[in-house]
Protein backbone atom coordinates (compact mmCIF):
# COMPACT_ATOMS: atom_id res chain seq x y z
CA MET A 1 8.14 66.65 50.44
CA SER A 2 9.20 70.27 50.91
CA LEU A 3 8.30 72.92 48.33
CA ASN A 4 12.00 73.62 47.64
CA LYS A 5 12.69 69.95 47.00
CA SER A 6 9.65 69.71 44.74
CA LEU A 7 10.86 72.72 42.75
CA LEU A 8 14.32 71.24 42.50
CA LEU A 9 12.99 67.97 41.13
CA ALA A 10 10.73 69.79 38.70
CA VAL A 11 13.63 71.88 37.35
CA LEU A 12 15.83 68.76 36.99
CA GLY A 13 13.00 67.08 35.14
CA LEU A 14 12.65 70.01 32.76
CA LEU A 15 16.39 70.02 32.08
CA ALA A 16 16.29 66.34 31.36
CA THR A 17 13.37 66.75 29.02
CA PHE A 18 14.32 69.92 27.12
CA GLY A 19 18.04 70.48 27.31
CA PHE A 20 21.50 69.24 27.90
CA SER A 21 24.32 70.50 29.99
CA LEU A 22 26.61 72.76 28.04
CA ALA A 23 29.41 71.36 30.14
CA ASP A 24 28.87 68.07 28.34
CA GLY A 25 29.57 69.60 24.97
CA ALA A 26 32.80 70.67 23.28
CA HIS A 27 33.94 74.17 24.22
CA TYR A 28 36.83 76.09 22.74
CA ASP A 29 37.57 78.46 25.64
CA ASN A 30 41.06 79.86 25.33
CA TYR A 31 41.73 77.86 22.18
CA ARG A 32 43.83 79.84 19.80
CA LEU A 33 42.98 80.43 16.16
CA TYR A 34 46.02 80.76 13.89
CA LYS A 35 46.51 81.55 10.27
CA VAL A 36 49.37 79.36 8.99
CA THR A 37 50.94 79.15 5.55
CA ALA A 38 52.82 76.16 4.15
CA GLU A 39 55.22 77.54 1.50
CA ASN A 40 56.39 74.14 0.27
CA LYS A 41 55.49 70.46 0.36
CA ASP A 42 57.72 69.76 3.39
CA GLN A 43 55.87 72.32 5.43
CA GLN A 44 52.59 70.99 4.11
CA ALA A 45 53.56 67.54 5.37
CA VAL A 46 54.33 68.97 8.84
CA LEU A 47 50.83 70.52 9.01
CA LYS A 48 49.20 67.28 7.85
CA GLU A 49 51.05 65.40 10.56
CA LEU A 50 49.76 67.91 13.12
CA GLU A 51 46.22 67.42 11.81
CA GLU A 52 46.37 63.69 12.41
CA SER A 53 48.26 63.84 15.66
CA SER A 54 45.58 65.07 18.06
CA ASP A 55 41.94 66.07 18.25
CA SER A 56 43.15 69.12 20.17
CA ILE A 57 44.46 70.54 16.89
CA ILE A 58 41.69 71.31 14.36
CA PHE A 59 42.16 72.50 10.82
CA LEU A 60 39.15 74.40 9.48
CA THR A 61 40.46 74.62 5.90
CA GLY A 62 42.34 72.37 3.50
CA ILE A 63 46.10 72.26 3.93
CA LEU A 64 47.42 73.54 0.65
CA VAL A 65 50.83 74.84 -0.36
CA GLY A 66 50.65 78.62 -0.51
CA ALA A 67 47.21 78.89 1.02
CA HIS A 68 46.23 80.56 4.29
CA VAL A 69 45.15 77.69 6.51
CA GLN A 70 43.00 78.17 9.66
CA MET A 71 44.16 76.10 12.64
CA VAL A 72 42.54 75.92 16.07
CA VAL A 73 44.79 74.76 18.92
CA ALA A 74 43.89 73.79 22.50
CA PRO A 75 45.64 75.77 25.23
CA HIS A 76 47.75 72.81 26.43
CA LYS A 77 48.99 72.22 22.89
CA VAL A 78 49.99 75.79 22.03
CA SER A 79 53.62 75.67 23.12
CA ASP A 80 54.25 72.34 21.36
CA VAL A 81 52.58 73.47 18.16
CA LEU A 82 54.45 76.75 18.05
CA GLU A 83 57.71 74.94 18.57
CA ILE A 84 56.97 72.63 15.68
CA LEU A 85 55.99 75.52 13.46
CA GLY A 86 59.10 77.35 14.41
CA LYS A 87 61.43 74.42 13.63
CA ALA A 88 59.72 73.95 10.25
CA GLU A 89 59.91 77.71 9.58
CA ILE A 90 56.18 77.83 8.94
CA LYS A 91 54.71 81.34 9.07
CA TYR A 92 51.82 81.85 11.39
CA GLU A 93 49.63 84.66 12.72
CA LEU A 94 47.37 84.66 15.77
CA LYS A 95 43.80 85.55 14.79
CA SER A 96 42.00 84.91 18.07
CA LYS A 97 43.18 84.29 21.65
CA ASP A 98 39.83 82.79 22.66
CA PHE A 99 38.13 80.97 19.83
CA GLN A 100 35.01 80.20 21.85
CA LYS A 101 34.49 83.87 22.76
CA SER A 102 34.99 84.88 19.14
CA MET A 103 32.39 82.31 18.02
CA ASP A 104 29.96 83.41 20.74
CA GLU A 105 29.99 86.95 19.36
CA ILE A 106 28.37 85.76 16.10
CA ASP A 107 24.60 85.96 15.94
CA GLU A 108 23.72 82.32 15.05
CA LYS A 109 20.23 82.18 16.48
CA VAL A 110 18.60 78.73 16.57
CA ALA A 111 14.82 78.55 16.71
CA PRO A 112 13.13 77.10 19.79
CA LYS A 113 12.15 73.50 19.26
CA GLY A 114 8.61 72.59 18.30
CA ARG A 115 7.47 75.73 16.45
CA ALA A 116 8.90 75.17 13.03
CA SER A 117 5.80 73.97 11.21
CA ILE A 118 4.02 77.20 12.10
CA GLU A 119 6.79 79.78 12.04
CA TYR A 120 9.49 78.29 9.82
CA ASN A 121 11.52 81.11 8.29
CA TRP A 122 15.01 82.09 7.30
CA SER A 123 15.86 84.55 10.00
CA GLN A 124 17.23 81.72 12.19
CA TYR A 125 18.68 78.24 12.01
CA TYR A 126 16.76 75.12 12.91
CA GLN A 127 17.46 71.84 14.53
CA LEU A 128 16.94 68.62 12.53
CA GLU A 129 13.58 67.64 14.05
CA ASP A 130 12.06 71.00 13.29
CA THR A 131 13.15 70.97 9.69
CA TYR A 132 11.78 67.43 9.28
CA ASN A 133 8.49 68.53 10.83
CA TRP A 134 8.31 71.44 8.42
CA MET A 135 9.01 69.16 5.45
CA GLN A 136 6.29 66.82 6.66
CA SER A 137 3.87 69.77 6.92
CA LEU A 138 4.66 70.69 3.30
CA SER A 139 3.47 67.27 2.09
CA LYS A 140 0.13 67.89 3.89
CA GLN A 141 -0.15 71.51 2.66
CA TYR A 142 0.73 70.60 -0.98
CA PRO A 143 -0.39 66.94 -1.28
CA GLN A 144 -0.48 66.99 -5.08
CA ILE A 145 2.93 68.59 -5.39
CA VAL A 146 5.19 67.57 -2.46
CA THR A 147 6.10 63.95 -1.75
CA LEU A 148 8.25 62.94 1.24
CA ILE A 149 11.11 60.73 0.13
CA GLU A 150 13.71 58.83 2.12
CA GLY A 151 17.21 58.84 0.76
CA GLY A 152 18.58 56.45 3.36
CA LYS A 153 19.37 55.90 6.99
CA THR A 154 22.12 56.87 9.40
CA TYR A 155 24.29 54.93 11.80
CA GLN A 156 22.09 56.08 14.71
CA GLY A 157 18.90 55.09 12.86
CA ARG A 158 17.71 58.50 11.67
CA SER A 159 16.08 58.96 8.28
CA ILE A 160 17.76 60.97 5.52
CA LEU A 161 14.52 62.75 4.65
CA GLY A 162 13.88 64.72 1.49
CA VAL A 163 11.07 66.12 -0.62
CA LYS A 164 10.21 65.61 -4.23
CA ILE A 165 8.56 68.68 -5.76
CA SER A 166 6.55 67.93 -8.93
CA LYS A 167 4.05 70.59 -9.89
CA SER A 168 3.12 68.85 -13.14
CA GLY A 169 2.57 65.45 -11.54
CA SER A 170 4.26 63.86 -14.51
CA GLU A 171 7.82 62.96 -15.39
CA LYS A 172 9.92 66.04 -16.05
CA PRO A 173 13.66 66.52 -16.16
CA GLY A 174 15.09 66.04 -12.67
CA ILE A 175 17.27 68.25 -10.46
CA PHE A 176 18.84 66.77 -7.32
CA ILE A 177 20.03 68.91 -4.37
CA GLU A 178 22.23 67.39 -1.69
CA ALA A 179 22.97 69.56 1.32
CA GLY A 180 24.37 69.23 4.81
CA ILE A 181 26.68 66.29 4.13
CA HIS A 182 29.21 68.13 6.37
CA ALA A 183 27.45 68.65 9.71
CA ARG A 184 28.89 72.01 10.74
CA GLU A 185 27.99 73.77 7.49
CA TRP A 186 24.61 74.99 8.71
CA ILE A 187 24.05 77.46 5.86
CA ALA A 188 23.81 74.58 3.36
CA PRO A 189 20.58 73.02 4.77
CA ALA A 190 19.15 76.53 5.32
CA ALA A 191 19.73 77.45 1.68
CA ALA A 192 18.18 74.14 0.54
CA THR A 193 15.02 74.74 2.53
CA TYR A 194 14.84 78.32 1.25
CA ILE A 195 14.91 76.98 -2.32
CA VAL A 196 12.17 74.47 -1.49
CA ASN A 197 9.99 77.27 -0.12
CA GLN A 198 10.61 79.47 -3.14
CA LEU A 199 9.73 76.70 -5.55
CA LEU A 200 6.40 76.30 -3.75
CA THR A 201 5.46 79.90 -3.05
CA SER A 202 7.30 82.36 -5.36
CA ASN A 203 5.43 84.48 -7.91
CA VAL A 204 8.65 85.41 -9.74
CA ASP A 205 8.35 84.12 -13.30
CA SER A 206 11.80 82.63 -13.50
CA ILE A 207 11.33 80.67 -10.27
CA LYS A 208 7.83 79.58 -11.28
CA GLN A 209 9.32 78.16 -14.50
CA LEU A 210 11.85 76.20 -12.40
CA ALA A 211 9.01 74.75 -10.38
CA ASP A 212 6.75 74.00 -13.33
CA ASN A 213 9.28 72.51 -15.75
CA TYR A 214 11.39 70.30 -13.51
CA ASN A 215 10.99 67.71 -10.82
CA TRP A 216 13.11 68.50 -7.80
CA TYR A 217 14.64 66.03 -5.33
CA VAL A 218 15.91 67.99 -2.30
CA PHE A 219 17.72 66.59 0.73
CA PRO A 220 18.56 69.31 3.18
CA HIS A 221 20.29 66.97 5.67
CA CYS A 222 22.50 64.22 4.26
CA ASN A 223 24.35 63.72 7.54
CA PRO A 224 21.60 63.91 10.20
CA ASP A 225 23.61 62.32 13.03
CA GLY A 226 26.47 64.71 12.57
CA PHE A 227 24.11 67.70 12.35
CA VAL A 228 22.39 66.80 15.58
CA TYR A 229 25.80 66.45 17.25
CA SER A 230 26.81 69.89 15.92
CA HIS A 231 23.83 71.36 17.75
CA THR A 232 24.04 69.42 20.99
CA LYS A 233 27.72 68.69 21.56
CA ASP A 234 30.25 70.23 19.19
CA ARG A 235 29.45 73.13 16.86
CA LEU A 236 32.46 72.31 14.68
CA TRP A 237 31.60 68.62 14.13
CA ARG A 238 31.96 67.66 10.44
CA LYS A 239 31.76 63.87 10.10
CA THR A 240 29.31 61.05 10.66
CA ARG A 241 29.03 59.47 14.13
CA THR A 242 30.14 55.92 13.41
CA PRO A 243 32.55 54.76 16.12
CA TYR A 244 36.07 53.88 15.09
CA GLY A 245 38.07 52.87 18.11
CA LYS A 246 38.55 55.90 20.35
CA CYS A 247 37.40 58.26 17.52
CA PHE A 248 34.13 58.81 15.74
CA GLY A 249 32.99 59.31 12.22
CA ALA A 250 34.24 59.36 8.66
CA ASP A 251 34.12 62.27 6.29
CA PRO A 252 30.98 61.49 4.24
CA ASN A 253 32.36 63.52 1.30
CA ARG A 254 35.49 61.36 1.14
CA ASN A 255 33.61 58.12 1.36
CA TRP A 256 31.97 57.66 -2.05
CA GLY A 257 33.11 54.81 -4.25
CA PHE A 258 34.84 56.66 -7.07
CA HIS A 259 38.66 56.63 -6.86
CA TRP A 260 38.15 56.35 -3.07
CA ASN A 261 41.00 57.48 -0.87
CA GLU A 262 43.46 58.07 -3.74
CA VAL A 263 44.18 61.62 -2.69
CA GLY A 264 43.05 64.39 -0.33
CA ALA A 265 41.81 62.14 2.47
CA SER A 266 43.18 60.65 5.70
CA ASN A 267 43.62 57.10 6.94
CA SER A 268 43.38 58.30 10.55
CA ALA A 269 39.97 57.88 12.13
CA CYS A 270 40.58 60.94 14.28
CA SER A 271 41.05 63.20 11.26
CA ASP A 272 38.23 65.36 9.93
CA THR A 273 38.98 64.03 6.46
CA TYR A 274 39.06 60.36 7.39
CA ALA A 275 37.96 58.44 4.28
CA GLY A 276 36.56 55.52 6.27
CA PRO A 277 37.86 51.94 6.29
CA HIS A 278 36.56 51.42 2.78
CA ALA A 279 34.36 53.06 0.19
CA PHE A 280 30.72 53.42 1.32
CA SER A 281 31.66 52.32 4.84
CA GLU A 282 29.15 54.84 6.17
CA ILE A 283 25.53 53.79 6.10
CA GLU A 284 24.70 57.40 5.13
CA THR A 285 26.65 57.33 1.90
CA GLN A 286 25.82 53.73 1.13
CA SER A 287 22.08 54.17 1.51
CA LEU A 288 21.96 57.58 -0.21
CA SER A 289 24.04 56.30 -3.10
CA ASN A 290 21.62 53.39 -3.50
CA TYR A 291 18.72 55.85 -3.66
CA ILE A 292 20.50 58.03 -6.22
CA ALA A 293 21.29 54.97 -8.34
CA SER A 294 17.60 53.99 -8.28
CA ILE A 295 16.58 57.35 -9.86
CA LYS A 296 19.67 58.17 -11.90
CA ASP A 297 17.71 58.08 -15.16
CA LYS A 298 15.36 60.70 -13.74
CA ILE A 299 17.98 63.30 -12.83
CA GLN A 300 20.04 65.31 -15.25
CA LEU A 301 21.51 67.90 -12.87
CA TYR A 302 23.04 67.17 -9.50
CA VAL A 303 23.98 70.02 -7.14
CA SER A 304 25.71 69.75 -3.73
CA PHE A 305 25.69 72.59 -1.18
CA HIS A 306 28.66 73.12 1.10
CA ALA A 307 30.34 75.99 2.94
CA TYR A 308 32.41 77.93 2.81
CA SER A 309 34.68 79.92 0.43
CA GLN A 310 32.32 81.09 -2.38
CA TYR A 311 33.33 78.55 -5.00
CA LEU A 312 31.46 76.77 -7.76
CA LEU A 313 33.07 73.46 -8.55
CA TYR A 314 32.73 70.61 -10.99
CA PRO A 315 34.56 67.25 -11.56
CA TYR A 316 37.13 65.96 -11.04
CA GLY A 317 38.70 66.07 -7.62
CA HIS A 318 41.00 63.01 -7.85
CA THR A 319 42.88 64.05 -10.99
CA LYS A 320 43.87 67.07 -13.04
CA SER A 321 42.20 65.40 -16.02
CA LEU A 322 39.04 67.26 -17.05
CA PRO A 323 35.61 65.90 -17.88
CA ASP A 324 35.07 65.12 -21.56
CA ASN A 325 32.32 67.75 -21.64
CA VAL A 326 34.44 70.38 -19.90
CA LYS A 327 33.55 73.07 -22.43
CA ASP A 328 29.88 72.67 -21.41
CA TYR A 329 30.90 72.81 -17.77
CA GLN A 330 32.77 76.01 -18.37
CA GLN A 331 29.79 77.53 -20.20
CA VAL A 332 27.42 76.68 -17.36
CA PHE A 333 29.98 77.78 -14.76
CA ASN A 334 30.39 81.20 -16.37
CA ALA A 335 26.63 81.80 -16.45
CA ALA A 336 26.13 80.68 -12.92
CA VAL A 337 29.04 82.70 -11.44
CA SER A 338 27.92 85.82 -13.30
CA ALA A 339 24.37 85.47 -11.97
CA VAL A 340 25.46 84.94 -8.34
CA SER A 341 27.09 88.40 -8.27
CA GLN A 342 24.15 90.36 -9.70
CA ARG A 343 22.14 90.93 -6.55
CA TYR A 344 24.78 91.62 -3.85
CA ASN A 345 27.98 91.77 -5.86
CA THR A 346 29.17 88.55 -4.20
CA LYS A 347 32.17 87.12 -6.01
CA TYR A 348 32.46 83.38 -6.63
CA THR A 349 35.40 81.65 -8.27
CA GLY A 350 36.02 77.98 -8.97
CA GLY A 351 36.41 75.43 -11.75
CA ASN A 352 37.38 71.77 -11.65
CA ILE A 353 37.80 70.62 -8.05
CA TYR A 354 41.42 69.46 -8.31
CA ASP A 355 42.79 72.82 -9.57
CA ALA A 356 40.29 75.24 -8.02
CA ILE A 357 40.63 74.17 -4.41
CA TYR A 358 42.65 70.97 -3.77
CA PRO A 359 42.99 67.36 -4.81
CA VAL A 360 40.30 65.19 -3.18
CA ALA A 361 38.86 61.81 -3.94
CA GLY A 362 35.62 60.17 -2.86
CA ALA A 363 33.32 63.16 -3.25
CA SER A 364 29.64 62.80 -4.14
CA VAL A 365 29.72 64.92 -7.28
CA ASP A 366 32.56 62.90 -8.75
CA TRP A 367 30.69 59.63 -8.07
CA VAL A 368 27.45 60.92 -9.52
CA TYR A 369 29.26 62.11 -12.68
CA GLY A 370 31.81 59.34 -13.06
CA ASN A 371 29.82 56.35 -11.85
CA GLN A 372 26.17 57.16 -12.41
CA GLY A 373 26.41 59.05 -15.68
CA VAL A 374 24.74 62.27 -14.52
CA ARG A 375 26.46 64.59 -16.97
CA MET A 376 26.00 67.85 -15.06
CA ALA A 377 27.17 67.73 -11.40
CA PHE A 378 28.22 70.80 -9.43
CA CYS A 379 29.19 71.79 -5.91
CA TYR A 380 28.52 75.21 -4.43
CA GLU A 381 30.77 76.37 -1.50
CA LEU A 382 28.52 79.08 -0.10
CA ARG A 383 29.29 82.23 1.97
CA PRO A 384 31.49 83.49 3.55
CA SER A 385 34.57 84.00 1.40
CA SER A 386 37.74 82.03 1.94
CA LYS A 387 39.32 85.14 3.56
CA SER A 388 36.82 85.06 6.43
CA TYR A 389 37.88 84.19 10.00
CA ILE A 390 35.66 83.11 12.86
CA THR A 391 32.47 83.44 10.73
CA ASN A 392 33.59 80.59 8.42
CA PHE A 393 31.14 77.82 9.41
CA LYS A 394 29.18 80.12 11.73
CA LEU A 395 27.51 82.36 9.20
CA PRO A 396 25.39 85.02 10.94
CA VAL A 397 21.65 84.54 10.59
CA ALA A 398 21.39 87.95 8.81
CA GLN A 399 23.19 86.34 5.88
CA ILE A 400 20.92 83.34 5.44
CA ILE A 401 18.48 85.05 3.09
CA PRO A 402 21.02 87.00 1.05
CA THR A 403 23.12 83.83 0.60
CA SER A 404 20.05 81.87 -0.46
CA GLU A 405 18.75 84.58 -2.82
CA GLU A 406 21.98 84.83 -4.75
CA LEU A 407 22.30 81.06 -4.80
CA LEU A 408 18.83 80.74 -6.36
CA ASP A 409 19.77 83.48 -8.86
CA SER A 410 22.81 81.41 -9.77
CA MET A 411 20.93 78.13 -10.00
CA THR A 412 18.28 79.73 -12.22
CA ALA A 413 21.02 80.73 -14.63
CA MET A 414 22.62 77.30 -14.30
CA VAL A 415 19.43 75.46 -15.14
CA GLY A 416 18.85 77.75 -18.10
CA GLU A 417 22.27 77.07 -19.50
CA VAL A 418 21.99 73.32 -18.93
CA GLN A 419 18.69 73.50 -20.76
CA LYS A 420 20.28 75.35 -23.68
CA LEU A 421 22.96 72.71 -24.01
CA GLY A 422 20.37 69.97 -24.20
CA TYR A 423 21.21 68.02 -21.08
CA PHE A 424 17.59 67.92 -19.92
CA ASN A 425 16.66 66.12 -23.13
CA PRO A 426 17.27 62.39 -22.45
CA ARG A 427 17.56 61.72 -26.18
CA VAL A 428 20.53 64.01 -26.58
CA VAL A 429 23.95 62.44 -25.87
CA GLN A 430 26.63 65.12 -25.11
C-alpha cells in the first residue's frame, strides 16, 4: 500500500472517529432573518400558518400580536413569504441577509471533547458527554455530598443525568433545577452547572448557606437527544428527536400533562411548538415527570432555566387566572428581579406566564405547581434580552459567567424570600 493511500485511510478513520461532515448538518447560508410584526389577530393567524407550512420557515420567538417576531426564511422561500406578508399588510424588516454568516460571527466556543473532567470551566460551552463526565467526577470528588441521580431516559436511550447535592447528609428542604429542556438554549445548562460548582466550592457566605441548608436536585440536560443534535446537526434544534412521519420531535415544554394542548402549541409535527400526539408522549417528559412525582414531597421550590428574553415567570400559562398564592409569587418575584440587576444592571421583567409572554399550555412549571402541589415554581428566561437579534440562542461565551452570576444572585434572593414566607416548612400550608 502506498504512503499516500495509507495517509488517506488514516485521515478518513480519524474523521469517522472524531468528527462529522459539516455538510451533513443544517446550514443557514443566505437564509434571511426578518423582524415581523402582527398588528392584529388576522395577521397573527397568517404568521402561524407560515410557521406550520414549511421547515424552511423558522420562527425564533413566539408569534404575538404587537410583538416583534424573528423569522428565518430559506432563500427559495423568500419571494413567496414576502408576497404573503405584503398581501396581509404585515410589516417586516430585514435584519440579516445571511443568517449563517451572522451566527458564525458570534464567539460560541465549544470545548474539545474528552477534557472536561480536568478543565471544566465557564469560558466555553460543552457537549453532553463532557458535562456528564464532569458530573460523574463530582460524585467521586465529593462522595459524601454529591450523588448521581437519573431523572429518566430519552427516545435514543440516553440518560437524563442529574446530581443531588446534600452537604448535611440529612433531609433538608429541596430545590429542583431543570435546565436544557429546549435543546438550542445552551446558556441554560451552562448556568445550571455553574450553580452546581458554586454550591460545592464557593466561600461566599450567602452561597454557603444555600449549600448547607437545602438539598439540591439539578438536571442540566433535560433533553439530551435534542442537545446532541444541536451540536452535531442543527444549532437551532429545539425539540426532542422522536420521529413523527417525515418530521422529528415534540416540544418538551408543551408536552406535560396539565391542560395539555389547550393553547399556545401546535398540532403539526413539523412545528417547533408541536405538543406531541398526547400528553407525555415523549419518553423524556414521561420519565422525568415520574421522577419528580417520586420526590415531590422533598422539593418545595422548582426552577426551570430557559433562554432567552430576561424574564422571570410563574404559573399559569394556559389561563389568565392567577395562582391562589399569587401575592406570595409577586413578593418572591420582586425580590428576585431586584437582585438580578444588582451586579450588572441587567433588567428582567415577567409575571404570570399567560400575561407576561404568551398563552401556553403543557409547560413543566405549570404541571409541577398544578399537578404535584409544589407551591413555588418559577421559570427564568436568561440572557440576552428580547430585543436581541442573532445572539438570541447563541449567547457569546463571554456572557456565560455574568449571566450565571446574576442568576445565582437572583436565586439567592428568591430562596430567602421563599424561606421568609414559610414554604420550606412542610408543616405550613399557604
